[in-house]
C-alpha cells in the first residue's frame, strides 16, 4: 500500500522544487526519497523510475511555462505589445524556476501524449502572438523556432553566469527582444 500522503503529483512537485534548488542534472530518486524521508523503492509505487520522473517533470514545467506565456500574451499586462510581454514572461519563468526550465527542453516522444499536449499549448500561444505580427504558416514556424532559440540562448547563458560584461543584462535582454521584434516585422 502506498505511503500515506505520497502520490505521483506530490513526488513530481517535490522533484520540481528540488531541481530549482540543485539543478536539473542533479535530480535523483535518492534525493526525492530523502525529501520525503522514505526509501527509494517507496517512490516506485508512485513513479516508474528516474526516466518517468523526468518525463513527468517536463510535463509539469511545460504546462507551467505555457500558462505563464498564455497569461502574458492575452493578459491585462500585454497592452499593445504581446510579443515583448511574452518574451519577458519566458525569461521570468526561466529565472524563477531554473531547474524546471531546463526540463522544458525535452521534446515529446511519439507516445508522450501529455508532453505533446503541453508543448502544443505553448506553441499555440506563440503562434497566436506571431499571427498578430502577420506571420502564418511556414513563416510562423520559422519565426517560432528563431524566437525560442534566441530566448533560450539568452536565459541559458544568463543562468550560467555567461554575461560578464559591465552592461546591464536587463537592457541587453530588451535589446534582444526589440531586435527580434523588428526582424519579425520585416
N, C-alpha and C. Protein backbone atom coordinates (compact mmCIF):
# COMPACT_ATOMS: atom_id res chain seq x y z
N UNK A 1 0.84 -1.17 0.00
CA UNK A 1 0.00 0.00 0.00
C UNK A 1 0.89 1.25 0.00
N UNK A 2 0.55 2.27 -0.82
CA UNK A 2 1.38 3.47 -0.88
C UNK A 2 1.44 4.19 0.46
N UNK A 3 2.57 4.82 0.70
CA UNK A 3 2.76 5.58 1.93
C UNK A 3 1.71 6.69 2.00
N UNK A 4 1.13 6.85 3.17
CA UNK A 4 0.10 7.86 3.36
C UNK A 4 0.61 9.24 2.96
N UNK A 5 -0.17 9.94 2.18
CA UNK A 5 0.19 11.29 1.79
C UNK A 5 1.09 11.39 0.57
N UNK A 6 1.64 10.31 0.11
CA UNK A 6 2.52 10.33 -1.05
C UNK A 6 1.72 9.89 -2.27
N UNK A 7 1.83 10.66 -3.34
CA UNK A 7 1.18 10.31 -4.60
C UNK A 7 2.06 10.84 -5.73
N UNK A 8 1.76 10.45 -6.97
CA UNK A 8 2.61 10.90 -8.08
C UNK A 8 2.74 12.42 -8.17
N UNK A 9 1.66 13.15 -7.95
CA UNK A 9 1.71 14.60 -8.03
C UNK A 9 2.65 15.19 -6.98
N UNK A 10 2.58 14.72 -5.76
CA UNK A 10 3.47 15.23 -4.70
C UNK A 10 4.93 14.90 -5.01
N UNK A 11 5.17 13.72 -5.56
CA UNK A 11 6.54 13.33 -5.89
C UNK A 11 7.08 14.25 -6.99
N UNK A 12 6.28 14.51 -8.01
CA UNK A 12 6.73 15.37 -9.12
C UNK A 12 6.93 16.80 -8.63
N UNK A 13 6.05 17.30 -7.81
CA UNK A 13 6.20 18.67 -7.29
C UNK A 13 7.44 18.79 -6.41
N UNK A 14 7.71 17.77 -5.63
CA UNK A 14 8.94 17.78 -4.82
C UNK A 14 10.17 17.76 -5.72
N UNK A 15 10.11 16.98 -6.78
CA UNK A 15 11.22 16.94 -7.73
C UNK A 15 11.40 18.31 -8.40
N UNK A 16 10.29 18.97 -8.71
CA UNK A 16 10.35 20.30 -9.33
C UNK A 16 11.02 21.30 -8.40
N UNK A 17 10.64 21.28 -7.14
CA UNK A 17 11.28 22.17 -6.17
C UNK A 17 12.76 21.85 -6.02
N UNK A 18 13.06 20.56 -6.00
CA UNK A 18 14.44 20.12 -5.85
C UNK A 18 15.31 20.60 -7.02
N UNK A 19 14.83 20.42 -8.25
CA UNK A 19 15.67 20.81 -9.39
C UNK A 19 15.86 22.32 -9.45
N UNK A 20 14.89 23.08 -8.94
CA UNK A 20 15.09 24.53 -8.90
C UNK A 20 16.17 24.90 -7.90
N UNK A 21 16.37 24.07 -6.89
CA UNK A 21 17.40 24.34 -5.88
C UNK A 21 18.78 23.82 -6.28
N UNK A 22 18.81 22.60 -6.86
CA UNK A 22 20.11 21.96 -7.09
C UNK A 22 20.47 21.80 -8.56
N UNK A 23 19.54 22.02 -9.45
CA UNK A 23 19.80 21.86 -10.88
C UNK A 23 19.15 20.61 -11.44
N UNK A 24 18.71 20.72 -12.67
CA UNK A 24 18.01 19.62 -13.34
C UNK A 24 18.88 18.38 -13.44
N UNK A 25 20.14 18.55 -13.71
CA UNK A 25 21.04 17.41 -13.87
C UNK A 25 21.32 16.67 -12.57
N UNK A 26 20.96 17.28 -11.45
CA UNK A 26 21.22 16.66 -10.15
C UNK A 26 20.02 15.88 -9.61
N UNK A 27 18.96 15.78 -10.39
CA UNK A 27 17.77 15.06 -9.93
C UNK A 27 18.05 13.57 -9.83
N UNK A 28 17.83 13.04 -8.64
CA UNK A 28 17.95 11.60 -8.41
C UNK A 28 16.75 11.14 -7.59
N UNK A 29 16.44 9.87 -7.71
CA UNK A 29 15.38 9.31 -6.88
C UNK A 29 15.79 9.35 -5.41
N UNK A 30 17.07 9.18 -5.15
CA UNK A 30 17.54 9.21 -3.76
C UNK A 30 17.28 10.57 -3.12
N UNK A 31 17.49 11.65 -3.88
CA UNK A 31 17.26 12.99 -3.33
C UNK A 31 15.77 13.21 -3.08
N UNK A 32 14.92 12.75 -3.98
CA UNK A 32 13.48 12.90 -3.78
C UNK A 32 13.02 12.06 -2.60
N UNK A 33 13.53 10.85 -2.50
CA UNK A 33 13.18 9.98 -1.38
C UNK A 33 13.61 10.61 -0.06
N UNK A 34 14.79 11.19 -0.03
CA UNK A 34 15.27 11.85 1.19
C UNK A 34 14.34 13.00 1.59
N UNK A 35 13.82 13.72 0.60
CA UNK A 35 12.89 14.81 0.88
C UNK A 35 11.68 14.31 1.67
N UNK A 36 11.20 13.13 1.32
CA UNK A 36 10.03 12.56 1.98
C UNK A 36 10.39 11.64 3.15
N UNK A 37 11.69 11.45 3.38
CA UNK A 37 12.16 10.55 4.42
C UNK A 37 11.63 9.14 4.23
N UNK A 38 11.75 8.68 2.97
CA UNK A 38 11.36 7.31 2.63
C UNK A 38 12.52 6.66 1.89
N UNK A 39 12.45 5.37 1.74
CA UNK A 39 13.44 4.63 0.97
C UNK A 39 13.11 4.80 -0.52
N UNK A 40 14.13 4.73 -1.35
CA UNK A 40 13.95 4.89 -2.79
C UNK A 40 12.89 3.94 -3.34
N UNK A 41 12.89 2.66 -2.95
CA UNK A 41 11.86 1.76 -3.51
C UNK A 41 10.42 2.23 -3.24
N UNK A 42 10.22 3.02 -2.21
CA UNK A 42 8.87 3.53 -1.93
C UNK A 42 8.38 4.45 -3.05
N UNK A 43 9.30 5.11 -3.74
CA UNK A 43 8.90 6.00 -4.82
C UNK A 43 8.36 5.25 -6.03
N UNK A 44 8.78 3.99 -6.19
CA UNK A 44 8.35 3.21 -7.35
C UNK A 44 6.85 2.89 -7.30
N UNK A 45 6.23 3.14 -6.19
CA UNK A 45 4.77 2.99 -6.11
C UNK A 45 4.08 4.18 -6.76
N UNK A 46 4.84 5.24 -7.01
CA UNK A 46 4.26 6.50 -7.49
C UNK A 46 4.82 6.95 -8.84
N UNK A 47 6.07 6.62 -9.12
CA UNK A 47 6.69 6.93 -10.41
C UNK A 47 7.46 5.69 -10.87
N UNK A 48 7.61 5.56 -12.17
CA UNK A 48 8.22 4.37 -12.74
C UNK A 48 9.73 4.41 -12.82
N UNK A 49 10.37 5.28 -12.10
CA UNK A 49 11.82 5.39 -12.14
C UNK A 49 12.23 6.80 -12.52
N UNK A 50 13.53 6.99 -12.67
CA UNK A 50 14.05 8.34 -12.92
C UNK A 50 13.61 8.87 -14.28
N UNK A 51 13.56 8.01 -15.30
CA UNK A 51 13.12 8.49 -16.61
C UNK A 51 11.66 8.93 -16.58
N UNK A 52 10.83 8.17 -15.89
CA UNK A 52 9.42 8.54 -15.74
C UNK A 52 9.31 9.86 -14.98
N UNK A 53 10.10 10.01 -13.93
CA UNK A 53 10.07 11.24 -13.15
C UNK A 53 10.50 12.43 -14.00
N UNK A 54 11.55 12.26 -14.80
CA UNK A 54 11.98 13.34 -15.71
C UNK A 54 10.86 13.68 -16.69
N UNK A 55 10.19 12.68 -17.21
CA UNK A 55 9.10 12.92 -18.14
C UNK A 55 7.95 13.68 -17.49
N UNK A 56 7.58 13.28 -16.28
CA UNK A 56 6.50 13.96 -15.57
C UNK A 56 6.90 15.39 -15.20
N UNK A 57 8.16 15.56 -14.84
CA UNK A 57 8.67 16.90 -14.53
C UNK A 57 8.62 17.79 -15.77
N UNK A 58 8.96 17.24 -16.92
CA UNK A 58 8.89 18.00 -18.17
C UNK A 58 7.46 18.46 -18.44
N UNK A 59 6.50 17.57 -18.24
CA UNK A 59 5.10 17.95 -18.46
C UNK A 59 4.70 19.08 -17.52
N UNK A 60 5.03 18.94 -16.25
CA UNK A 60 4.70 19.99 -15.27
C UNK A 60 5.32 21.32 -15.68
N UNK A 61 6.59 21.31 -16.03
CA UNK A 61 7.30 22.54 -16.36
C UNK A 61 6.74 23.18 -17.63
N UNK A 62 6.48 22.39 -18.65
CA UNK A 62 5.94 22.94 -19.90
C UNK A 62 4.53 23.48 -19.66
N UNK A 63 3.74 22.80 -18.85
CA UNK A 63 2.41 23.32 -18.51
C UNK A 63 2.51 24.64 -17.77
N UNK A 64 3.43 24.73 -16.81
CA UNK A 64 3.61 25.98 -16.08
C UNK A 64 4.07 27.10 -17.00
N UNK A 65 5.06 26.80 -17.83
CA UNK A 65 5.56 27.81 -18.77
C UNK A 65 4.44 28.22 -19.72
N UNK A 66 3.68 27.26 -20.20
CA UNK A 66 2.58 27.56 -21.10
C UNK A 66 1.53 28.46 -20.47
N UNK A 67 1.20 28.19 -19.22
CA UNK A 67 0.23 29.03 -18.51
C UNK A 67 0.77 30.44 -18.34
N UNK A 68 2.05 30.55 -18.03
CA UNK A 68 2.67 31.86 -17.87
C UNK A 68 2.66 32.63 -19.18
N UNK A 69 2.99 31.96 -20.27
CA UNK A 69 3.02 32.63 -21.57
C UNK A 69 1.62 33.02 -22.03
N UNK A 70 0.65 32.13 -21.82
CA UNK A 70 -0.73 32.43 -22.23
C UNK A 70 -1.26 33.64 -21.46
N UNK A 71 -0.97 33.68 -20.17
CA UNK A 71 -1.42 34.82 -19.37
C UNK A 71 -0.75 36.11 -19.83
N UNK A 72 0.52 36.02 -20.16
CA UNK A 72 1.25 37.21 -20.61
C UNK A 72 0.76 37.69 -21.98
N UNK A 73 0.53 36.76 -22.87
CA UNK A 73 0.15 37.12 -24.24
C UNK A 73 -1.25 37.70 -24.32
N UNK A 74 -2.13 37.26 -23.44
CA UNK A 74 -3.50 37.72 -23.52
C UNK A 74 -3.97 38.45 -22.29
N UNK A 75 -3.09 38.59 -21.33
CA UNK A 75 -3.48 39.18 -20.06
C UNK A 75 -3.50 40.69 -20.09
N UNK A 76 -3.89 41.24 -18.97
CA UNK A 76 -4.01 42.70 -18.88
C UNK A 76 -2.67 43.43 -18.99
N UNK A 77 -1.57 42.71 -18.80
CA UNK A 77 -0.25 43.34 -18.86
C UNK A 77 0.28 43.41 -20.28
N UNK A 78 -0.41 42.74 -21.21
CA UNK A 78 0.09 42.67 -22.57
C UNK A 78 0.01 44.01 -23.28
N UNK A 79 -1.03 44.78 -23.03
CA UNK A 79 -1.18 46.06 -23.72
C UNK A 79 -1.14 45.87 -25.21
N UNK A 80 -0.40 46.72 -25.88
CA UNK A 80 -0.30 46.57 -27.34
C UNK A 80 1.00 45.89 -27.74
N UNK A 81 1.64 45.23 -26.81
CA UNK A 81 2.91 44.59 -27.14
C UNK A 81 2.98 43.16 -26.62
N UNK A 82 2.09 42.29 -27.10
CA UNK A 82 2.09 40.91 -26.60
C UNK A 82 3.40 40.17 -26.85
N UNK A 83 4.12 40.49 -27.94
CA UNK A 83 5.39 39.80 -28.19
C UNK A 83 6.40 40.09 -27.09
N UNK A 84 6.56 41.36 -26.76
CA UNK A 84 7.52 41.72 -25.71
C UNK A 84 7.09 41.16 -24.35
N UNK A 85 5.80 41.20 -24.08
CA UNK A 85 5.29 40.68 -22.82
C UNK A 85 5.52 39.17 -22.73
N UNK A 86 5.31 38.48 -23.84
CA UNK A 86 5.56 37.04 -23.89
C UNK A 86 7.03 36.75 -23.63
N UNK A 87 7.92 37.50 -24.26
CA UNK A 87 9.36 37.29 -24.09
C UNK A 87 9.77 37.52 -22.63
N UNK A 88 9.24 38.56 -22.02
CA UNK A 88 9.57 38.83 -20.61
C UNK A 88 9.05 37.73 -19.70
N UNK A 89 7.88 37.20 -20.01
CA UNK A 89 7.32 36.11 -19.21
C UNK A 89 8.17 34.85 -19.35
N UNK A 90 8.66 34.60 -20.54
CA UNK A 90 9.53 33.45 -20.80
C UNK A 90 10.79 33.54 -19.92
N UNK A 91 11.41 34.71 -19.98
CA UNK A 91 12.63 34.91 -19.19
C UNK A 91 12.33 34.82 -17.70
N UNK A 92 11.24 35.41 -17.25
CA UNK A 92 10.90 35.39 -15.83
C UNK A 92 10.72 33.95 -15.34
N UNK A 93 10.07 33.12 -16.13
CA UNK A 93 9.89 31.72 -15.72
C UNK A 93 11.25 31.04 -15.59
N UNK A 94 12.12 31.25 -16.58
CA UNK A 94 13.44 30.61 -16.55
C UNK A 94 14.26 31.07 -15.35
N UNK A 95 14.15 32.34 -14.99
CA UNK A 95 14.90 32.88 -13.85
C UNK A 95 14.32 32.34 -12.53
N UNK A 96 13.01 32.32 -12.43
CA UNK A 96 12.37 31.88 -11.19
C UNK A 96 12.47 30.37 -10.99
N UNK A 97 12.50 29.61 -12.08
CA UNK A 97 12.49 28.15 -12.00
C UNK A 97 13.56 27.56 -12.91
N UNK A 98 14.82 27.76 -12.58
CA UNK A 98 15.88 27.32 -13.49
C UNK A 98 15.91 25.82 -13.74
N UNK A 99 15.67 25.03 -12.72
CA UNK A 99 15.67 23.58 -12.91
C UNK A 99 14.48 23.11 -13.72
N UNK A 100 13.32 23.66 -13.42
CA UNK A 100 12.13 23.32 -14.19
C UNK A 100 12.30 23.78 -15.64
N UNK A 101 12.83 24.98 -15.80
CA UNK A 101 13.03 25.47 -17.17
C UNK A 101 13.88 24.50 -17.97
N UNK A 102 14.93 23.98 -17.36
CA UNK A 102 15.79 23.03 -18.06
C UNK A 102 15.00 21.81 -18.53
N UNK A 103 13.96 21.45 -17.79
CA UNK A 103 13.14 20.30 -18.17
C UNK A 103 12.25 20.60 -19.38
N UNK A 104 12.05 21.87 -19.71
CA UNK A 104 11.17 22.21 -20.83
C UNK A 104 11.79 21.93 -22.19
N UNK A 105 13.07 21.67 -22.21
CA UNK A 105 13.77 21.45 -23.48
C UNK A 105 13.47 20.06 -24.04
N UNK A 106 13.03 19.17 -23.20
CA UNK A 106 12.74 17.79 -23.61
C UNK A 106 11.65 17.78 -24.69
N UNK A 107 11.93 17.13 -25.80
CA UNK A 107 10.96 17.01 -26.89
C UNK A 107 10.06 15.80 -26.62
N UNK A 108 8.78 15.93 -26.91
CA UNK A 108 7.88 14.80 -26.68
C UNK A 108 8.16 13.65 -27.64
N UNK A 109 8.14 12.45 -27.10
CA UNK A 109 8.25 11.26 -27.94
C UNK A 109 6.92 10.98 -28.62
N UNK A 110 6.89 10.04 -29.53
CA UNK A 110 5.66 9.77 -30.27
C UNK A 110 4.49 9.33 -29.40
N UNK A 111 4.78 8.69 -28.29
CA UNK A 111 3.72 8.20 -27.41
C UNK A 111 3.52 9.08 -26.17
N UNK A 112 4.21 10.19 -26.10
CA UNK A 112 4.13 11.06 -24.93
C UNK A 112 3.00 12.07 -25.10
N UNK A 113 1.79 11.61 -24.87
CA UNK A 113 0.59 12.40 -25.12
C UNK A 113 0.56 13.64 -24.22
N UNK A 114 0.89 13.49 -22.96
CA UNK A 114 0.81 14.62 -22.02
C UNK A 114 1.80 15.72 -22.37
N UNK A 115 3.03 15.34 -22.68
CA UNK A 115 4.03 16.36 -23.02
C UNK A 115 3.71 16.99 -24.37
N UNK A 116 3.20 16.21 -25.30
CA UNK A 116 2.83 16.76 -26.60
C UNK A 116 1.71 17.79 -26.43
N UNK A 117 0.72 17.47 -25.60
CA UNK A 117 -0.40 18.40 -25.38
C UNK A 117 0.11 19.70 -24.73
N UNK A 118 0.98 19.56 -23.74
CA UNK A 118 1.53 20.75 -23.08
C UNK A 118 2.36 21.58 -24.05
N UNK A 119 3.17 20.92 -24.86
CA UNK A 119 4.00 21.61 -25.85
C UNK A 119 3.14 22.28 -26.92
N UNK A 120 2.09 21.60 -27.34
CA UNK A 120 1.19 22.18 -28.34
C UNK A 120 0.50 23.43 -27.81
N UNK A 121 0.19 23.44 -26.52
CA UNK A 121 -0.44 24.63 -25.92
C UNK A 121 0.52 25.82 -25.95
N UNK A 122 1.79 25.57 -25.63
CA UNK A 122 2.79 26.63 -25.69
C UNK A 122 2.93 27.13 -27.12
N UNK A 123 3.04 26.19 -28.05
CA UNK A 123 3.20 26.56 -29.45
C UNK A 123 1.99 27.35 -29.94
N UNK A 124 0.81 26.96 -29.53
CA UNK A 124 -0.40 27.67 -29.93
C UNK A 124 -0.35 29.14 -29.48
N UNK A 125 0.10 29.36 -28.26
CA UNK A 125 0.22 30.73 -27.74
C UNK A 125 1.23 31.53 -28.55
N UNK A 126 2.38 30.93 -28.79
CA UNK A 126 3.43 31.61 -29.55
C UNK A 126 2.96 31.90 -30.97
N UNK A 127 2.31 30.93 -31.60
CA UNK A 127 1.83 31.14 -32.97
C UNK A 127 0.75 32.22 -33.03
N UNK A 128 -0.07 32.31 -32.00
CA UNK A 128 -1.09 33.36 -31.96
C UNK A 128 -0.44 34.74 -31.90
N UNK A 129 0.60 34.86 -31.07
CA UNK A 129 1.30 36.14 -30.97
C UNK A 129 2.00 36.46 -32.29
N UNK A 130 2.61 35.46 -32.89
CA UNK A 130 3.27 35.68 -34.18
C UNK A 130 2.24 35.99 -35.27
N UNK A 131 1.07 35.38 -35.17
CA UNK A 131 -0.01 35.68 -36.12
C UNK A 131 -0.43 37.13 -36.05
N UNK A 132 -0.43 37.67 -34.82
CA UNK A 132 -0.76 39.09 -34.66
C UNK A 132 0.27 39.99 -35.33
N UNK A 133 1.46 39.44 -35.54
CA UNK A 133 2.52 40.19 -36.24
C UNK A 133 2.47 39.95 -37.75
N UNK A 134 1.49 39.15 -38.19
CA UNK A 134 1.33 38.87 -39.61
C UNK A 134 2.05 37.63 -40.11
N UNK A 135 2.56 36.83 -39.18
CA UNK A 135 3.28 35.62 -39.57
C UNK A 135 2.36 34.40 -39.46
N UNK A 136 2.26 33.65 -40.54
CA UNK A 136 1.44 32.45 -40.55
C UNK A 136 2.16 31.34 -41.29
N UNK A 137 1.63 30.14 -41.19
CA UNK A 137 2.17 29.00 -41.93
C UNK A 137 3.63 28.73 -41.63
N UNK A 138 4.36 28.41 -42.69
CA UNK A 138 5.79 28.10 -42.53
C UNK A 138 6.59 29.26 -41.97
N UNK A 139 6.20 30.49 -42.33
CA UNK A 139 6.90 31.67 -41.80
C UNK A 139 6.76 31.74 -40.28
N UNK A 140 5.59 31.38 -39.77
CA UNK A 140 5.37 31.39 -38.32
C UNK A 140 6.18 30.29 -37.64
N UNK A 141 6.27 29.13 -38.28
CA UNK A 141 7.07 28.04 -37.70
C UNK A 141 8.54 28.46 -37.64
N UNK A 142 9.04 29.03 -38.72
CA UNK A 142 10.43 29.50 -38.72
C UNK A 142 10.65 30.57 -37.65
N UNK A 143 9.70 31.48 -37.54
CA UNK A 143 9.80 32.55 -36.54
C UNK A 143 9.75 31.98 -35.13
N UNK A 144 8.87 31.03 -34.88
CA UNK A 144 8.77 30.41 -33.55
C UNK A 144 10.09 29.75 -33.17
N UNK A 145 10.70 29.08 -34.11
CA UNK A 145 12.00 28.43 -33.84
C UNK A 145 13.08 29.48 -33.56
N UNK A 146 13.08 30.55 -34.32
CA UNK A 146 14.07 31.61 -34.11
C UNK A 146 13.88 32.28 -32.76
N UNK A 147 12.64 32.57 -32.41
CA UNK A 147 12.35 33.22 -31.13
C UNK A 147 12.75 32.30 -29.98
N UNK A 148 12.36 31.03 -30.06
CA UNK A 148 12.70 30.10 -28.98
C UNK A 148 14.22 29.97 -28.86
N UNK A 149 14.89 29.87 -29.98
CA UNK A 149 16.36 29.73 -29.94
C UNK A 149 17.01 30.94 -29.29
N UNK A 150 16.57 32.12 -29.66
CA UNK A 150 17.15 33.34 -29.11
C UNK A 150 16.86 33.47 -27.62
N UNK A 151 15.60 33.28 -27.25
CA UNK A 151 15.25 33.41 -25.83
C UNK A 151 15.92 32.33 -24.99
N UNK A 152 15.92 31.10 -25.51
CA UNK A 152 16.56 30.01 -24.77
C UNK A 152 18.05 30.27 -24.61
N UNK A 153 18.68 30.72 -25.67
CA UNK A 153 20.11 31.02 -25.57
C UNK A 153 20.39 32.08 -24.53
N UNK A 154 19.59 33.12 -24.52
CA UNK A 154 19.80 34.21 -23.57
C UNK A 154 19.61 33.71 -22.15
N UNK A 155 18.49 33.05 -21.86
CA UNK A 155 18.22 32.65 -20.47
C UNK A 155 19.19 31.57 -20.00
N UNK A 156 19.65 30.74 -20.92
CA UNK A 156 20.63 29.70 -20.55
C UNK A 156 21.98 30.33 -20.22
N UNK A 157 22.42 31.26 -21.04
CA UNK A 157 23.67 31.97 -20.75
C UNK A 157 23.56 32.78 -19.46
N UNK A 158 22.42 33.43 -19.28
CA UNK A 158 22.22 34.22 -18.06
C UNK A 158 22.29 33.34 -16.82
N UNK A 159 21.63 32.18 -16.87
CA UNK A 159 21.61 31.27 -15.72
C UNK A 159 23.01 30.74 -15.40
N UNK A 160 23.81 30.58 -16.44
CA UNK A 160 25.18 30.05 -16.25
C UNK A 160 26.18 31.13 -15.89
N UNK A 161 25.71 32.38 -15.74
CA UNK A 161 26.63 33.46 -15.43
C UNK A 161 27.49 33.85 -16.61
N UNK A 162 26.97 33.64 -17.81
CA UNK A 162 27.74 33.86 -19.02
C UNK A 162 27.81 35.29 -19.51
N UNK A 163 27.22 36.22 -18.79
CA UNK A 163 27.25 37.61 -19.21
C UNK A 163 28.13 38.40 -18.24
N UNK A 164 29.41 38.47 -18.55
CA UNK A 164 30.34 39.12 -17.64
C UNK A 164 30.65 40.57 -17.95
N UNK A 165 30.16 41.06 -19.08
CA UNK A 165 30.43 42.45 -19.43
C UNK A 165 29.66 43.39 -18.50
N UNK A 166 30.13 44.60 -18.33
CA UNK A 166 29.51 45.51 -17.36
C UNK A 166 28.13 46.03 -17.74
N UNK A 167 27.69 45.87 -18.96
CA UNK A 167 26.37 46.38 -19.38
C UNK A 167 25.25 45.63 -18.64
N UNK A 168 24.22 46.36 -18.26
CA UNK A 168 23.07 45.81 -17.55
C UNK A 168 22.42 44.70 -18.39
N UNK A 169 22.22 43.54 -17.80
CA UNK A 169 21.66 42.38 -18.51
C UNK A 169 20.21 42.65 -18.92
N UNK A 170 19.45 43.35 -18.10
CA UNK A 170 18.07 43.67 -18.46
C UNK A 170 18.03 44.50 -19.75
N UNK A 171 18.94 45.44 -19.87
CA UNK A 171 19.00 46.27 -21.09
C UNK A 171 19.36 45.42 -22.28
N UNK A 172 20.26 44.48 -22.09
CA UNK A 172 20.64 43.60 -23.20
C UNK A 172 19.46 42.72 -23.61
N UNK A 173 18.70 42.25 -22.63
CA UNK A 173 17.52 41.44 -22.96
C UNK A 173 16.51 42.27 -23.74
N UNK A 174 16.27 43.47 -23.30
CA UNK A 174 15.34 44.36 -24.01
C UNK A 174 15.82 44.60 -25.44
N UNK A 175 17.11 44.78 -25.61
CA UNK A 175 17.68 44.97 -26.94
C UNK A 175 17.46 43.73 -27.81
N UNK A 176 17.66 42.55 -27.23
CA UNK A 176 17.43 41.31 -27.97
C UNK A 176 15.98 41.21 -28.42
N UNK A 177 15.06 41.46 -27.51
CA UNK A 177 13.64 41.35 -27.82
C UNK A 177 13.24 42.39 -28.87
N UNK A 178 13.75 43.60 -28.74
CA UNK A 178 13.46 44.64 -29.74
C UNK A 178 13.99 44.24 -31.12
N UNK A 179 15.18 43.68 -31.14
CA UNK A 179 15.77 43.23 -32.40
C UNK A 179 14.96 42.11 -33.02
N UNK A 180 14.56 41.15 -32.20
CA UNK A 180 13.70 40.06 -32.69
C UNK A 180 12.40 40.62 -33.25
N UNK A 181 11.79 41.52 -32.51
CA UNK A 181 10.51 42.10 -32.91
C UNK A 181 10.64 42.82 -34.26
N UNK A 182 11.68 43.63 -34.40
CA UNK A 182 11.90 44.33 -35.67
C UNK A 182 12.13 43.33 -36.81
N UNK A 183 12.89 42.30 -36.52
CA UNK A 183 13.16 41.30 -37.54
C UNK A 183 11.90 40.55 -37.96
N UNK A 184 11.05 40.27 -37.02
CA UNK A 184 9.81 39.56 -37.35
C UNK A 184 8.86 40.43 -38.17
N UNK A 185 8.92 41.73 -37.94
CA UNK A 185 8.06 42.64 -38.69
C UNK A 185 8.57 42.92 -40.09
N UNK A 186 9.88 42.68 -40.30
CA UNK A 186 10.50 42.99 -41.61
C UNK A 186 10.03 42.03 -42.70
